């Protein structure tokens, strides 16, 4: 079963509001074993809605739409669905009574315009909305040999989620649509670029492989996203475990964590395990490293303080190494981690990160690359990675 999710509203296409309904519904469908191949967002325009609905019905077996079920002139879902499926709108007396009751509970008379919310394309089923005046629509539609089911829900997240859980999800499971289980797992890496990582994993990321392995990059961290499908969760988990083992064998200590783990989470965990402490000194990163470590180690069990130096003080390798040694001595930390000052972009110059320990000081040089937005996070992660590898050697 292939699904498409439609998000309807000018507030979404204009960027004034973030579409969280589509994300949530995708997660729910995946839990039912239903693969979502399309996300579509459309504004409050009748012809545009009709075309989008027709396209979705022609290529998906299940279409879930949110929004456009209100009583105002820009709420077009029911009319667009009727037009797209060549049906007529008919009044549902039970829905109208429920809407009228909702208004009377508030001591108000239902405005005439709200009657439109009790109108449904012929042949559709009503999805009860216990906490709102916008019932949902459930309509089966066929063209030739292609069969689709169109489900329209309110755009209000609380109402949509309650209706999904109470009515829609049980109906999907009851029809036996969960023919497969889908599981995801993420392996986090740092230390090389995306293309280099791809070259290390030629057999794992090739198209058609099961489980699938995809590569994404955010602020210099590479995430290897593993997606496994099967008839049972245990089958997926076994396939994922085998793929994780192959990733470790292929890229070695470039892997630093899994799932939601970030480098600073791993550093704090490993320092706690070894009973060690770290202090930091930074220049161009303006305290980013200290912020990350402090956010994880809020009780200051392993991160015992940080300093920010003017850019003019940490421009050379020698200065950065001295700063790492000095912060370690001043605080009594087991490790002193220093991040230097950015060099000129696109120049042959380098910036430096340094780590001081009982064995002495080691440093790493690097040039600026990529968008300026990632320079700070990349430098901070280079420092953390230097410390991570030191802790691995000590474990």
Protein backbone atom coordinates (compact mmCIF):
# COMPACT_ATOMS: atom_id res chain seq x y z
CA UNK A 1 0.00 0.00 0.00
CA UNK A 2 1.37 3.38 -1.07
CA UNK A 3 0.23 6.50 0.78
CA UNK A 4 0.24 10.21 0.04
CA UNK A 5 -0.29 12.95 2.61
CA UNK A 6 -1.86 16.26 1.61
CA UNK A 7 -1.53 19.41 3.72
CA UNK A 8 -4.01 22.13 2.79
CA UNK A 9 -3.89 25.84 3.56
CA UNK A 10 -2.45 29.18 2.48
CA UNK A 11 -0.77 29.48 5.87
CA UNK A 12 1.36 26.46 4.91
CA UNK A 13 2.22 27.37 1.33
CA UNK A 14 3.10 30.93 2.42
CA UNK A 15 5.43 29.64 5.12
CA UNK A 16 3.53 31.36 7.91
CA UNK A 17 2.94 28.07 9.70
CA UNK A 18 5.00 24.88 9.90
CA UNK A 19 3.29 21.70 8.74
CA UNK A 20 3.66 19.30 11.67
CA UNK A 21 0.59 17.23 10.76
CA UNK A 22 2.32 15.62 7.79
CA UNK A 23 5.32 14.60 9.88
CA UNK A 24 3.11 13.05 12.56
CA UNK A 25 0.90 11.21 10.08
CA UNK A 26 3.93 9.80 8.27
CA UNK A 27 5.15 8.34 11.54
CA UNK A 28 1.74 6.83 12.27
CA UNK A 29 1.45 5.27 8.82
CA UNK A 30 4.91 3.80 9.07
CA UNK A 31 3.96 2.17 12.36
CA UNK A 32 1.12 0.49 10.45
CA UNK A 33 3.53 -0.72 7.78
CA UNK A 34 2.22 1.70 5.16
CA UNK A 35 4.87 3.36 3.02
CA UNK A 36 4.50 7.09 2.39
CA UNK A 37 5.95 8.10 -0.99
CA UNK A 38 4.45 11.57 -1.44
CA UNK A 39 3.98 14.72 0.64
CA UNK A 40 1.99 17.47 -1.09
CA UNK A 41 1.13 20.94 0.18
CA UNK A 42 -1.50 23.05 -1.57
CA UNK A 43 -3.01 26.45 -0.89
CA UNK A 44 -6.66 27.42 -0.56
CA UNK A 45 -7.52 27.40 -4.26
CA UNK A 46 -10.33 25.18 -5.53
CA UNK A 47 -8.84 24.28 -8.92
CA UNK A 48 -5.44 23.59 -7.37
CA UNK A 49 -7.06 21.33 -4.77
CA UNK A 50 -9.01 19.42 -7.42
CA UNK A 51 -5.87 18.78 -9.46
CA UNK A 52 -3.87 17.74 -6.40
CA UNK A 53 -6.64 15.38 -5.27
CA UNK A 54 -6.91 13.80 -8.72
CA UNK A 55 -3.16 13.26 -8.89
CA UNK A 56 -3.01 11.73 -5.41
CA UNK A 57 -5.95 9.42 -6.10
CA UNK A 58 -4.31 8.24 -9.33
CA UNK A 59 -0.96 7.30 -7.81
CA UNK A 60 -1.61 6.34 -4.18
CA UNK A 61 -3.76 3.67 -2.56
CA UNK A 62 -4.33 5.78 0.53
CA UNK A 63 -4.59 9.56 0.61
CA UNK A 64 -4.68 11.41 3.94
CA UNK A 65 -5.55 15.11 3.82
CA UNK A 66 -5.56 17.61 6.67
CA UNK A 67 -7.15 21.05 6.61
CA UNK A 68 -9.88 22.77 4.63
CA UNK A 69 -12.87 21.33 6.53
CA UNK A 70 -13.99 24.55 8.21
CA UNK A 71 -17.13 26.56 7.37
CA UNK A 72 -15.51 29.53 5.62
CA UNK A 73 -15.15 30.26 1.92
CA UNK A 74 -11.49 29.24 1.90
CA UNK A 75 -12.28 25.76 3.28
CA UNK A 76 -12.47 23.81 0.05
CA UNK A 77 -11.67 20.18 0.84
CA UNK A 78 -15.19 18.72 0.64
CA UNK A 79 -16.07 20.54 -2.59
CA UNK A 80 -12.71 19.76 -4.19
CA UNK A 81 -13.06 16.08 -3.27
CA UNK A 82 -16.58 15.96 -4.73
CA UNK A 83 -15.35 17.56 -7.95
CA UNK A 84 -12.27 15.35 -8.16
CA UNK A 85 -14.37 12.19 -7.79
CA UNK A 86 -17.36 13.41 -9.85
CA UNK A 87 -19.75 13.10 -6.92
CA UNK A 88 -22.28 15.44 -5.33
CA UNK A 89 -22.34 16.78 -1.78
CA UNK A 90 -25.14 15.47 0.40
CA UNK A 91 -26.25 16.58 3.85
CA UNK A 92 -25.66 14.14 6.72
CA UNK A 93 -28.37 14.72 9.34
CA UNK A 94 -26.44 13.14 12.23
CA UNK A 95 -23.41 15.34 11.56
CA UNK A 96 -25.58 18.44 11.37
CA UNK A 97 -27.20 17.57 14.70
CA UNK A 98 -23.78 17.11 16.30
CA UNK A 99 -22.56 20.48 15.00
CA UNK A 100 -25.71 22.21 16.26
CA UNK A 101 -25.23 20.54 19.64
CA UNK A 102 -21.64 21.80 19.82
CA UNK A 103 -22.89 25.36 19.44
CA UNK A 104 -25.75 24.96 21.90
CA UNK A 105 -23.31 23.66 24.51
CA UNK A 106 -21.62 27.06 24.30
CA UNK A 107 -24.97 28.87 24.52
CA UNK A 108 -24.83 29.92 20.86
CA UNK A 109 -26.94 29.32 17.78
CA UNK A 110 -25.20 27.64 14.87
CA UNK A 111 -24.47 30.13 12.06
CA UNK A 112 -26.02 29.01 8.76
CA UNK A 113 -22.56 28.76 7.18
CA UNK A 114 -21.62 25.88 9.47
CA UNK A 115 -24.17 23.62 7.73
CA UNK A 116 -21.56 23.09 5.00
CA UNK A 117 -19.53 21.06 7.51
CA UNK A 118 -22.28 18.43 7.48
CA UNK A 119 -22.06 18.04 3.70
CA UNK A 120 -20.23 14.98 2.36
CA UNK A 121 -19.42 13.57 -1.08
CA UNK A 122 -21.87 10.81 -1.98
CA UNK A 123 -20.72 7.39 -0.80
CA UNK A 124 -18.38 8.70 1.89
CA UNK A 125 -18.29 7.68 5.52
CA UNK A 126 -18.31 10.22 8.35
CA UNK A 127 -15.33 10.34 10.71
CA UNK A 128 -16.70 11.51 14.03
CA UNK A 129 -15.04 14.56 15.59
CA UNK A 130 -15.88 14.56 19.32
CA UNK A 131 -14.25 17.90 20.06
CA UNK A 132 -14.91 20.06 17.02
CA UNK A 133 -17.43 21.06 14.37
CA UNK A 134 -15.45 19.57 11.46
CA UNK A 135 -16.22 15.86 10.90
CA UNK A 136 -13.78 13.95 8.76
CA UNK A 137 -14.47 12.31 5.40
CA UNK A 138 -13.66 8.72 4.41
CA UNK A 139 -14.26 7.91 0.73
CA UNK A 140 -13.37 4.93 -1.44
CA UNK A 141 -12.62 5.73 -5.08
CA UNK A 142 -11.74 3.59 -8.08
CA UNK A 143 -10.64 4.29 -11.64
CA UNK A 144 -10.27 1.14 -13.68
CA UNK A 145 -8.15 -1.31 -11.72
CA UNK A 146 -6.73 1.34 -9.40
CA UNK A 147 -8.42 1.63 -6.01
CA UNK A 148 -7.84 4.45 -3.54
CA UNK A 149 -9.14 5.54 -0.18
CA UNK A 150 -9.31 9.25 0.61
CA UNK A 151 -9.43 10.34 4.24
CA UNK A 152 -9.86 14.03 5.09
CA UNK A 153 -9.20 15.22 8.64
CA UNK A 154 -9.26 18.66 10.30
CA UNK A 155 -6.09 20.71 10.29
CA UNK A 156 -6.26 21.35 14.06
CA UNK A 157 -3.58 18.93 15.35
CA UNK A 158 -5.38 17.95 18.57
CA UNK A 159 -8.61 17.11 16.74
CA UNK A 160 -6.80 15.37 13.90
CA UNK A 161 -4.75 13.16 16.23
CA UNK A 162 -7.74 12.15 18.34
CA UNK A 163 -9.78 11.21 15.26
CA UNK A 164 -6.85 9.30 13.81
CA UNK A 165 -6.30 7.27 16.96
CA UNK A 166 -9.98 6.59 17.65
CA UNK A 167 -11.26 5.91 14.13
CA UNK A 168 -8.78 5.96 11.25
CA UNK A 169 -5.89 3.87 12.57
CA UNK A 170 -8.14 1.00 13.75
CA UNK A 171 -9.90 0.96 10.38
CA UNK A 172 -6.61 0.70 8.52
CA UNK A 173 -5.29 -2.06 10.73
CA UNK A 174 -8.60 -3.88 10.51
CA UNK A 175 -8.41 -3.94 6.71
CA UNK A 176 -5.08 -5.71 6.88
CA UNK A 177 -3.07 -2.88 5.39
CA UNK A 178 -0.08 -3.49 7.68
CA UNK A 179 1.59 -6.01 5.40
CA UNK A 180 5.09 -5.04 6.43
CA UNK A 181 6.99 -3.60 9.35
CA UNK A 182 9.33 -0.66 8.83
CA UNK A 183 12.13 0.20 11.23
CA UNK A 184 14.75 2.97 11.16
CA UNK A 185 18.12 3.30 12.80
CA UNK A 186 20.76 6.04 12.57
CA UNK A 187 24.53 5.68 12.87
CA UNK A 188 26.41 8.95 13.51
CA UNK A 189 29.90 9.64 12.12
CA UNK A 190 32.40 12.48 12.12
CA UNK A 191 35.75 13.15 10.53
CA UNK A 192 35.31 12.98 6.75
CA UNK A 193 33.12 14.62 4.11
CA UNK A 194 29.99 13.17 2.56
CA UNK A 195 31.62 12.03 -0.68
CA UNK A 196 34.52 10.41 1.21
CA UNK A 197 32.05 8.57 3.42
CA UNK A 198 30.16 7.37 0.35
CA UNK A 199 33.39 5.98 -1.10
CA UNK A 200 33.93 3.95 2.07
CA UNK A 201 30.47 2.35 1.78
CA UNK A 202 29.98 1.49 -1.91
CA UNK A 203 28.12 -1.77 -1.33
CA UNK A 204 26.02 -0.51 1.58
CA UNK A 205 24.49 2.53 -0.10
CA UNK A 206 23.81 1.10 -3.55
CA UNK A 207 20.23 1.37 -4.79
CA UNK A 208 18.00 -1.60 -4.23
CA UNK A 209 19.89 -2.83 -1.17
CA UNK A 210 17.86 -4.08 1.77
CA UNK A 211 18.07 -2.54 4.31
CA UNK A 212 18.47 0.81 2.59
CA UNK A 213 21.28 3.08 3.81
CA UNK A 214 21.07 6.81 3.14
CA UNK A 215 23.56 9.59 3.92
CA UNK A 216 22.65 13.00 5.32
CA UNK A 217 24.93 15.71 6.67
CA UNK A 218 24.12 18.35 9.28
CA UNK A 219 26.73 20.72 10.72
CA UNK A 220 29.58 18.36 9.70
CA UNK A 221 28.00 15.30 11.35
CA UNK A 222 27.21 12.49 8.93
CA UNK A 223 24.12 10.41 9.66
CA UNK A 224 23.81 6.99 8.03
CA UNK A 225 20.05 6.27 8.01
CA UNK A 226 19.22 2.57 7.87
CA UNK A 227 15.68 1.61 6.82
CA UNK A 228 14.66 -2.03 7.07
CA UNK A 229 11.37 -3.63 6.04
CA UNK A 230 10.05 -7.07 6.89
CA UNK A 231 7.08 -9.03 8.07
CA UNK A 232 8.14 -8.83 11.72
CA UNK A 233 9.99 -6.31 13.88
CA UNK A 234 12.59 -8.92 14.84
CA UNK A 235 13.42 -9.46 11.17
CA UNK A 236 14.01 -5.72 10.69
CA UNK A 237 16.09 -5.42 13.84
CA UNK A 238 18.30 -8.34 12.81
CA UNK A 239 18.88 -6.80 9.38
CA UNK A 240 19.70 -3.43 10.96
CA UNK A 241 22.12 -5.00 13.44
CA UNK A 242 23.98 -6.73 10.61
CA UNK A 243 24.18 -3.48 8.61
CA UNK A 244 25.45 -1.57 11.66
CA UNK A 245 28.18 -4.18 12.06
CA UNK A 246 29.17 -3.73 8.40
CA UNK A 247 29.28 0.06 8.80
CA UNK A 248 31.61 -0.23 11.79
CA UNK A 249 33.86 -2.59 9.85
CA UNK A 250 33.97 -0.22 6.88
CA UNK A 251 34.53 3.14 8.58
CA UNK A 252 36.04 2.22 11.95
CA UNK A 253 36.34 4.97 14.55
CA UNK A 254 34.60 7.52 12.33
CA UNK A 255 31.47 6.17 14.03
CA UNK A 256 30.83 7.96 17.31
CA UNK A 257 27.25 7.12 18.20
CA UNK A 258 23.79 5.97 17.22
CA UNK A 259 20.24 7.29 17.28
CA UNK A 260 19.93 10.79 18.71
CA UNK A 261 23.45 10.83 20.19
CA UNK A 262 25.67 13.81 19.45
CA UNK A 263 29.40 14.07 20.00
CA UNK A 264 29.01 16.02 23.24
CA UNK A 265 26.65 13.35 24.60
CA UNK A 266 29.27 10.69 23.91
CA UNK A 267 32.08 12.77 25.45
CA UNK A 268 30.20 13.38 28.70
CA UNK A 269 29.21 9.72 28.93
CA UNK A 270 32.78 8.51 28.38
CA UNK A 271 34.28 11.02 30.79
CA UNK A 272 31.80 9.92 33.46
CA UNK A 273 32.66 6.28 32.82
CA UNK A 274 36.39 6.98 33.24
CA UNK A 275 36.00 9.43 36.13
CA UNK A 276 37.75 12.23 34.20
CA UNK A 277 37.11 15.96 33.83
CA UNK A 278 37.56 18.48 31.03
CA UNK A 279 37.88 22.26 30.80
CA UNK A 280 37.74 24.34 27.63
CA UNK A 281 39.03 27.54 26.10
CA UNK A 282 37.63 28.96 22.85
CA UNK A 283 38.00 31.86 20.47
CA UNK A 284 36.00 31.89 17.22
CA UNK A 285 33.37 29.48 18.52
CA UNK A 286 32.34 32.00 21.22
CA UNK A 287 31.58 29.41 23.89
CA UNK A 288 29.73 26.91 21.67
CA UNK A 289 31.78 24.01 22.98
CA UNK A 290 31.14 24.98 26.59
CA UNK A 291 27.43 25.38 25.87
CA UNK A 292 27.16 21.90 24.37
CA UNK A 293 29.03 20.20 27.19
CA UNK A 294 27.24 22.18 29.88
CA UNK A 295 23.83 21.38 28.41
CA UNK A 296 24.53 17.65 28.81
CA UNK A 297 26.52 17.81 32.05
CA UNK A 298 24.29 20.29 33.85
CA UNK A 299 25.59 19.17 37.26
CA UNK A 300 29.19 19.89 36.21
CA UNK A 301 30.38 16.40 37.07
CA UNK A 302 32.89 16.26 34.21
CA UNK A 303 32.80 19.70 32.55
CA UNK A 304 34.34 22.04 35.10
CA UNK A 305 34.51 25.30 33.20
CA UNK A 306 35.39 27.18 30.07
CA UNK A 307 36.95 30.44 28.92
CA UNK A 308 36.52 32.62 25.82
CA UNK A 309 39.63 34.35 24.52
CA UNK A 310 39.90 37.29 22.07
CA UNK A 311 40.58 36.14 18.50
CA UNK A 312 44.00 37.79 18.51
CA UNK A 313 45.28 35.40 21.21
CA UNK A 314 44.71 32.01 19.54
CA UNK A 315 45.82 32.40 15.94
CA UNK A 316 48.85 30.09 15.95
CA UNK A 317 49.33 26.41 16.71
CA UNK A 318 51.71 27.23 19.55
CA UNK A 319 49.22 29.63 21.16
CA UNK A 320 46.36 27.13 20.98
CA UNK A 321 48.50 24.34 22.45
CA UNK A 322 49.62 26.63 25.30
CA UNK A 323 45.99 27.58 25.97
CA UNK A 324 44.98 23.92 26.23
CA UNK A 325 47.78 23.21 28.69
CA UNK A 326 47.04 26.37 30.69
CA UNK A 327 43.31 25.71 31.13
CA UNK A 328 44.08 22.17 32.27
CA UNK A 329 46.55 23.42 34.86
CA UNK A 330 44.37 26.28 36.08
CA UNK A 331 41.27 24.13 36.65
CA UNK A 332 42.85 20.84 37.65
CA UNK A 333 41.01 19.06 34.85
CA UNK A 334 42.32 15.84 33.35
CA UNK A 335 41.92 17.32 29.88
CA UNK A 336 42.21 20.84 28.52
CA UNK A 337 40.56 21.42 25.16
CA UNK A 338 41.32 24.58 23.17
CA UNK A 339 39.73 25.85 19.96
CA UNK A 340 41.65 28.54 18.11
CA UNK A 341 40.78 31.47 15.86
CA UNK A 342 39.41 31.04 12.37
CA UNK A 343 41.87 31.59 9.54
CA UNK A 344 40.91 33.50 6.41
CA UNK A 345 38.33 31.70 4.31
CA UNK A 346 39.66 30.07 1.12
CA UNK A 347 43.23 30.80 2.14
CA UNK A 348 46.11 28.36 2.58
CA UNK A 349 46.18 29.14 6.30
CA UNK A 350 44.93 26.80 9.02
CA UNK A 351 43.15 27.08 12.33
CA UNK A 352 43.99 24.78 15.22
CA UNK A 353 42.39 22.70 17.96
CA UNK A 354 44.48 21.26 20.78
CA UNK A 355 44.05 18.75 23.60
CA UNK A 356 46.22 18.73 26.72
CA UNK A 357 46.43 15.66 28.95
CA UNK A 358 48.90 14.07 31.37
CA UNK A 359 50.79 12.71 28.33
CA UNK A 360 51.30 16.17 26.83
CA UNK A 361 49.57 18.24 24.14
CA UNK A 362 48.39 17.15 20.72
CA UNK A 363 46.85 19.40 18.11
CA UNK A 364 45.06 19.29 14.78
CA UNK A 365 45.20 21.79 11.93
CA UNK A 366 42.39 22.42 9.49
CA UNK A 367 41.31 24.90 6.84
CA UNK A 368 37.91 26.54 6.47
CA UNK A 369 35.54 24.82 4.07
CA UNK A 370 31.84 24.81 3.37
CA UNK A 371 29.24 27.40 4.31
CA UNK A 372 30.20 29.83 7.14
CA UNK A 373 27.23 28.55 9.15
CA UNK A 374 29.03 25.25 9.81
CA UNK A 375 32.49 26.64 10.61
CA UNK A 376 31.86 26.97 14.34
CA UNK A 377 30.10 23.61 14.83
CA UNK A 378 32.72 21.87 12.71
CA UNK A 379 35.61 23.28 14.76
CA UNK A 380 33.87 22.42 18.04
CA UNK A 381 33.26 18.88 16.84
CA UNK A 382 36.89 18.53 15.73
CA UNK A 383 37.91 19.32 19.29
CA UNK A 384 35.40 16.89 20.75
CA UNK A 385 36.50 14.20 18.30
CA UNK A 386 40.11 14.69 19.35
CA UNK A 387 39.05 14.10 22.95
CA UNK A 388 36.81 11.16 22.00
CA UNK A 389 39.67 9.30 20.36
CA UNK A 390 41.87 9.98 23.36
CA UNK A 391 39.23 8.50 25.66
CA UNK A 392 38.90 5.44 23.41
CA UNK A 393 42.63 4.86 23.70
CA UNK A 394 42.37 5.11 27.49
CA UNK A 395 39.34 2.83 27.84
